[in-house]
PDB file of all heavy atoms in Angstrom:
ATOM      1  N   GLY A   1     206.124  79.972 134.041  1.00  0.00           N
ATOM      2  CA  GLY A   1     206.795  78.969 133.234  1.00  0.00           C
ATOM      3  C   GLY A   1     206.220  77.578 133.291  1.00  0.00           C
ATOM      4  O   GLY A   1     206.707  76.679 132.594  1.00  0.00           O
ATOM      5  N   VAL A   2     205.157  77.351 134.073  1.00  0.00           N
ATOM      6  CA  VAL A   2     204.594  76.009 134.193  1.00  0.00           C
ATOM      7  C   VAL A   2     203.384  75.848 133.282  1.00  0.00           C
ATOM      8  O   VAL A   2     202.870  76.805 132.703  1.00  0.00           O
ATOM      9  CB  VAL A   2     204.178  75.687 135.648  1.00  0.00           C
ATOM     10  CG1 VAL A   2     205.337  75.921 136.608  1.00  0.00           C
ATOM     11  CG2 VAL A   2     202.946  76.492 136.064  1.00  0.00           C
ATOM     12  N   SER A   3     202.914  74.617 133.173  1.00  0.00           N
ATOM     13  CA  SER A   3     201.647  74.311 132.533  1.00  0.00           C
ATOM     14  C   SER A   3     200.685  73.906 133.644  1.00  0.00           C
ATOM     15  O   SER A   3     200.928  72.940 134.368  1.00  0.00           O
ATOM     16  CB  SER A   3     201.816  73.161 131.535  1.00  0.00           C
ATOM     17  OG  SER A   3     200.571  72.792 130.970  1.00  0.00           O
ATOM     18  N   HIS A   4     199.596  74.658 133.805  1.00  0.00           N
ATOM     19  CA  HIS A   4     198.682  74.476 134.933  1.00  0.00           C
ATOM     20  C   HIS A   4     197.278  74.251 134.397  1.00  0.00           C
ATOM     21  O   HIS A   4     196.755  75.066 133.634  1.00  0.00           O
ATOM     22  CB  HIS A   4     198.717  75.726 135.820  1.00  0.00           C
ATOM     23  CG  HIS A   4     198.061  75.556 137.147  1.00  0.00           C
ATOM     24  ND1 HIS A   4     198.724  75.788 138.342  1.00  0.00           N
ATOM     25  CD2 HIS A   4     196.797  75.185 137.500  1.00  0.00           C
ATOM     26  CE1 HIS A   4     197.898  75.568 139.353  1.00  0.00           C
ATOM     27  NE2 HIS A   4     196.725  75.211 138.865  1.00  0.00           N
ATOM     28  N   ALA A   5     196.652  73.139 134.802  1.00  0.00           N
ATOM     29  CA  ALA A   5     195.311  72.801 134.338  1.00  0.00           C
ATOM     30  C   ALA A   5     194.276  73.098 135.404  1.00  0.00           C
ATOM     31  O   ALA A   5     194.521  72.909 136.596  1.00  0.00           O
ATOM     32  CB  ALA A   5     195.236  71.324 133.953  1.00  0.00           C
ATOM     33  N   ILE A   6     193.106  73.550 134.972  1.00  0.00           N
ATOM     34  CA  ILE A   6     191.952  73.713 135.851  1.00  0.00           C
ATOM     35  C   ILE A   6     190.889  72.718 135.373  1.00  0.00           C
ATOM     36  O   ILE A   6     190.484  72.734 134.219  1.00  0.00           O
ATOM     37  CB  ILE A   6     191.422  75.171 135.844  1.00  0.00           C
ATOM     38  CG1 ILE A   6     190.275  75.339 136.828  1.00  0.00           C
ATOM     39  CG2 ILE A   6     191.056  75.647 134.467  1.00  0.00           C
ATOM     40  CD1 ILE A   6     190.698  75.583 138.238  1.00  0.00           C
ATOM     41  N   LEU A   7     190.466  71.820 136.260  1.00  0.00           N
ATOM     42  CA  LEU A   7     189.535  70.753 135.913  1.00  0.00           C
ATOM     43  C   LEU A   7     188.257  70.887 136.713  1.00  0.00           C
ATOM     44  O   LEU A   7     188.299  71.209 137.902  1.00  0.00           O
ATOM     45  CB  LEU A   7     190.150  69.388 136.219  1.00  0.00           C
ATOM     46  CG  LEU A   7     191.465  69.040 135.546  1.00  0.00           C
ATOM     47  CD1 LEU A   7     191.944  67.688 136.023  1.00  0.00           C
ATOM     48  CD2 LEU A   7     191.313  69.051 134.055  1.00  0.00           C
ATOM     49  N   GLY A   8     187.147  70.616 136.075  1.00  0.00           N
ATOM     50  CA  GLY A   8     185.875  70.660 136.770  1.00  0.00           C
ATOM     51  C   GLY A   8     184.738  70.444 135.806  1.00  0.00           C
ATOM     52  O   GLY A   8     184.884  70.635 134.601  1.00  0.00           O
ATOM     53  N   PRO A   9     183.570  70.053 136.306  1.00  0.00           N
ATOM     54  CA  PRO A   9     182.428  69.788 135.437  1.00  0.00           C
ATOM     55  C   PRO A   9     181.840  71.064 134.862  1.00  0.00           C
ATOM     56  O   PRO A   9     182.184  72.175 135.267  1.00  0.00           O
ATOM     57  CB  PRO A   9     181.425  69.093 136.377  1.00  0.00           C
ATOM     58  CG  PRO A   9     181.759  69.642 137.720  1.00  0.00           C
ATOM     59  CD  PRO A   9     183.249  69.803 137.720  1.00  0.00           C
ATOM     60  N   ASN A  10     180.934  70.904 133.918  1.00  0.00           N
ATOM     61  CA  ASN A  10     180.246  72.040 133.329  1.00  0.00           C
ATOM     62  C   ASN A  10     179.519  72.819 134.428  1.00  0.00           C
ATOM     63  O   ASN A  10     178.806  72.247 135.244  1.00  0.00           O
ATOM     64  CB  ASN A  10     179.230  71.531 132.294  1.00  0.00           C
ATOM     65  CG  ASN A  10     178.680  72.637 131.439  1.00  0.00           C
ATOM     66  OD1 ASN A  10     179.256  73.714 131.345  1.00  0.00           O
ATOM     67  ND2 ASN A  10     177.550  72.377 130.796  1.00  0.00           N
ATOM     68  N   GLY A  11     179.720  74.132 134.467  1.00  0.00           N
ATOM     69  CA  GLY A  11     179.094  74.959 135.486  1.00  0.00           C
ATOM     70  C   GLY A  11     179.892  75.099 136.762  1.00  0.00           C
ATOM     71  O   GLY A  11     179.444  75.754 137.706  1.00  0.00           O
ATOM     72  N   ALA A  12     181.093  74.526 136.795  1.00  0.00           N
ATOM     73  CA  ALA A  12     181.899  74.586 138.017  1.00  0.00           C
ATOM     74  C   ALA A  12     182.558  75.944 138.223  1.00  0.00           C
ATOM     75  O   ALA A  12     182.974  76.268 139.333  1.00  0.00           O
ATOM     76  CB  ALA A  12     182.975  73.493 137.989  1.00  0.00           C
ATOM     77  N   GLY A  13     182.675  76.726 137.152  1.00  0.00           N
ATOM     78  CA  GLY A  13     183.290  78.042 137.269  1.00  0.00           C
ATOM     79  C   GLY A  13     184.553  78.226 136.463  1.00  0.00           C
ATOM     80  O   GLY A  13     185.186  79.291 136.531  1.00  0.00           O
ATOM     81  N   LYS A  14     184.946  77.233 135.667  1.00  0.00           N
ATOM     82  CA  LYS A  14     186.195  77.306 134.910  1.00  0.00           C
ATOM     83  C   LYS A  14     186.204  78.490 133.945  1.00  0.00           C
ATOM     84  O   LYS A  14     187.127  79.297 133.935  1.00  0.00           O
ATOM     85  CB  LYS A  14     186.434  76.006 134.125  1.00  0.00           C
ATOM     86  CG  LYS A  14     186.501  74.743 134.939  1.00  0.00           C
ATOM     87  CD  LYS A  14     186.951  73.558 134.102  1.00  0.00           C
ATOM     88  CE  LYS A  14     186.121  73.288 132.877  1.00  0.00           C
ATOM     89  NZ  LYS A  14     184.744  72.835 133.193  1.00  0.00           N
ATOM     90  N   THR A  15     185.161  78.579 133.116  1.00  0.00           N
ATOM     91  CA  THR A  15     185.124  79.627 132.106  1.00  0.00           C
ATOM     92  C   THR A  15     184.972  81.005 132.743  1.00  0.00           C
ATOM     93  O   THR A  15     185.570  81.985 132.268  1.00  0.00           O
ATOM     94  CB  THR A  15     183.996  79.361 131.095  1.00  0.00           C
ATOM     95  OG1 THR A  15     184.297  78.146 130.384  1.00  0.00           O
ATOM     96  CG2 THR A  15     183.876  80.493 130.093  1.00  0.00           C
ATOM     97  N   THR A  16     184.208  81.101 133.821  1.00  0.00           N
ATOM     98  CA  THR A  16     184.088  82.387 134.526  1.00  0.00           C
ATOM     99  C   THR A  16     185.446  82.825 135.053  1.00  0.00           C
ATOM    100  O   THR A  16     185.836  83.997 134.918  1.00  0.00           O
ATOM    101  CB  THR A  16     183.089  82.277 135.692  1.00  0.00           C
ATOM    102  OG1 THR A  16     181.791  81.992 135.169  1.00  0.00           O
ATOM    103  CG2 THR A  16     183.035  83.575 136.481  1.00  0.00           C
ATOM    104  N   LEU A  17     186.191  81.902 135.640  1.00  0.00           N
ATOM    105  CA  LEU A  17     187.534  82.217 136.133  1.00  0.00           C
ATOM    106  C   LEU A  17     188.422  82.714 134.995  1.00  0.00           C
ATOM    107  O   LEU A  17     189.135  83.717 135.133  1.00  0.00           O
ATOM    108  CB  LEU A  17     188.147  80.972 136.785  1.00  0.00           C
ATOM    109  CG  LEU A  17     189.609  81.077 137.219  1.00  0.00           C
ATOM    110  CD1 LEU A  17     189.811  82.194 138.241  1.00  0.00           C
ATOM    111  CD2 LEU A  17     190.090  79.738 137.794  1.00  0.00           C
ATOM    112  N   ILE A  18     188.362  82.043 133.862  1.00  0.00           N
ATOM    113  CA  ILE A  18     189.181  82.431 132.717  1.00  0.00           C
ATOM    114  C   ILE A  18     188.760  83.802 132.183  1.00  0.00           C
ATOM    115  O   ILE A  18     189.605  84.621 131.804  1.00  0.00           O
ATOM    116  CB  ILE A  18     189.108  81.350 131.617  1.00  0.00           C
ATOM    117  CG1 ILE A  18     189.983  80.154 132.018  1.00  0.00           C
ATOM    118  CG2 ILE A  18     189.539  81.902 130.264  1.00  0.00           C
ATOM    119  CD1 ILE A  18     189.939  78.995 131.047  1.00  0.00           C
ATOM    120  N   ARG A  19     187.478  84.085 132.190  1.00  0.00           N
ATOM    121  CA  ARG A  19     187.017  85.377 131.678  1.00  0.00           C
ATOM    122  C   ARG A  19     187.397  86.525 132.601  1.00  0.00           C
ATOM    123  O   ARG A  19     187.655  87.636 132.138  1.00  0.00           O
ATOM    124  CB  ARG A  19     185.514  85.325 131.426  1.00  0.00           C
ATOM    125  CG  ARG A  19     185.169  84.511 130.183  1.00  0.00           C
ATOM    126  CD  ARG A  19     183.692  84.337 129.967  1.00  0.00           C
ATOM    127  NE  ARG A  19     183.443  83.616 128.714  1.00  0.00           N
ATOM    128  CZ  ARG A  19     182.279  83.087 128.366  1.00  0.00           C
ATOM    129  NH1 ARG A  19     181.241  83.213 129.189  1.00  0.00           N
ATOM    130  NH2 ARG A  19     182.145  82.444 127.220  1.00  0.00           N
ATOM    131  N   VAL A  20     187.421  86.264 133.892  1.00  0.00           N
ATOM    132  CA  VAL A  20     187.922  87.288 134.813  1.00  0.00           C
ATOM    133  C   VAL A  20     189.419  87.478 134.588  1.00  0.00           C
ATOM    134  O   VAL A  20     189.914  88.616 134.503  1.00  0.00           O
ATOM    135  CB  VAL A  20     187.644  86.897 136.280  1.00  0.00           C
ATOM    136  CG1 VAL A  20     188.347  87.871 137.229  1.00  0.00           C
ATOM    137  CG2 VAL A  20     186.152  86.875 136.566  1.00  0.00           C
ATOM    138  N   LEU A  21     190.130  86.385 134.474  1.00  0.00           N
ATOM    139  CA  LEU A  21     191.581  86.423 134.291  1.00  0.00           C
ATOM    140  C   LEU A  21     191.974  87.175 133.029  1.00  0.00           C
ATOM    141  O   LEU A  21     192.972  87.910 133.012  1.00  0.00           O
ATOM    142  CB  LEU A  21     192.107  84.982 134.232  1.00  0.00           C
ATOM    143  CG  LEU A  21     193.567  84.753 133.892  1.00  0.00           C
ATOM    144  CD1 LEU A  21     194.474  85.322 134.969  1.00  0.00           C
ATOM    145  CD2 LEU A  21     193.838  83.253 133.703  1.00  0.00           C
ATOM    146  N   THR A  22     191.172  87.033 131.969  1.00  0.00           N
ATOM    147  CA  THR A  22     191.495  87.670 130.685  1.00  0.00           C
ATOM    148  C   THR A  22     190.820  89.038 130.530  1.00  0.00           C
ATOM    149  O   THR A  22     190.758  89.574 129.426  1.00  0.00           O
ATOM    150  CB  THR A  22     191.094  86.751 129.520  1.00  0.00           C
ATOM    151  OG1 THR A  22     189.722  86.355 129.661  1.00  0.00           O
ATOM    152  CG2 THR A  22     191.967  85.501 129.489  1.00  0.00           C
ATOM    153  N   THR A  23     190.311  89.588 131.630  1.00  0.00           N
ATOM    154  CA  THR A  23     189.745  90.948 131.735  1.00  0.00           C
ATOM    155  C   THR A  23     188.432  91.110 130.984  1.00  0.00           C
ATOM    156  O   THR A  23     188.015  92.238 130.706  1.00  0.00           O
ATOM    157  CB  THR A  23     190.733  92.043 131.276  1.00  0.00           C
ATOM    158  OG1 THR A  23     190.808  92.073 129.847  1.00  0.00           O
ATOM    159  CG2 THR A  23     192.128  91.831 131.860  1.00  0.00           C
ATOM    160  N   GLN A  24     187.738  90.028 130.666  1.00  0.00           N
ATOM    161  CA  GLN A  24     186.465  90.154 129.953  1.00  0.00           C
ATOM    162  C   GLN A  24     185.317  90.530 130.878  1.00  0.00           C
ATOM    163  O   GLN A  24     184.378  91.197 130.440  1.00  0.00           O
ATOM    164  CB  GLN A  24     186.136  88.836 129.252  1.00  0.00           C
ATOM    165  CG  GLN A  24     187.138  88.437 128.182  1.00  0.00           C
ATOM    166  CD  GLN A  24     186.804  87.074 127.622  1.00  0.00           C
ATOM    167  OE1 GLN A  24     185.890  86.927 126.813  1.00  0.00           O
ATOM    168  NE2 GLN A  24     187.534  86.060 128.043  1.00  0.00           N
ATOM    169  N   ILE A  25     185.353  90.051 132.121  1.00  0.00           N
ATOM    170  CA  ILE A  25     184.323  90.400 133.089  1.00  0.00           C
ATOM    171  C   ILE A  25     184.999  90.807 134.403  1.00  0.00           C
ATOM    172  O   ILE A  25     186.129  90.397 134.677  1.00  0.00           O
ATOM    173  CB  ILE A  25     183.333  89.239 133.341  1.00  0.00           C
ATOM    174  CG1 ILE A  25     184.065  87.992 133.866  1.00  0.00           C
ATOM    175  CG2 ILE A  25     182.538  88.919 132.097  1.00  0.00           C
ATOM    176  CD1 ILE A  25     183.125  86.853 134.232  1.00  0.00           C
ATOM    177  N   ARG A  26     184.301  91.595 135.188  1.00  0.00           N
ATOM    178  CA  ARG A  26     184.846  92.078 136.456  1.00  0.00           C
ATOM    179  C   ARG A  26     184.410  91.164 137.591  1.00  0.00           C
ATOM    180  O   ARG A  26     183.271  90.680 137.612  1.00  0.00           O
ATOM    181  CB  ARG A  26     184.369  93.505 136.737  1.00  0.00           C
ATOM    182  CG  ARG A  26     184.856  94.528 135.733  1.00  0.00           C
ATOM    183  CD  ARG A  26     184.156  95.867 135.950  1.00  0.00           C
ATOM    184  NE  ARG A  26     184.564  96.480 137.208  1.00  0.00           N
ATOM    185  CZ  ARG A  26     185.554  97.357 137.334  1.00  0.00           C
ATOM    186  NH1 ARG A  26     186.243  97.718 136.253  1.00  0.00           N
ATOM    187  NH2 ARG A  26     185.855  97.879 138.490  1.00  0.00           N
TER     188      ARG A  26
END
């Protein structure tokens, strides 16, 4: 129920984390 932000520079791992979370990569 919350709004949670992930912040970090380009290459920090944000998109990789999101892709694992959304089952796109293992």
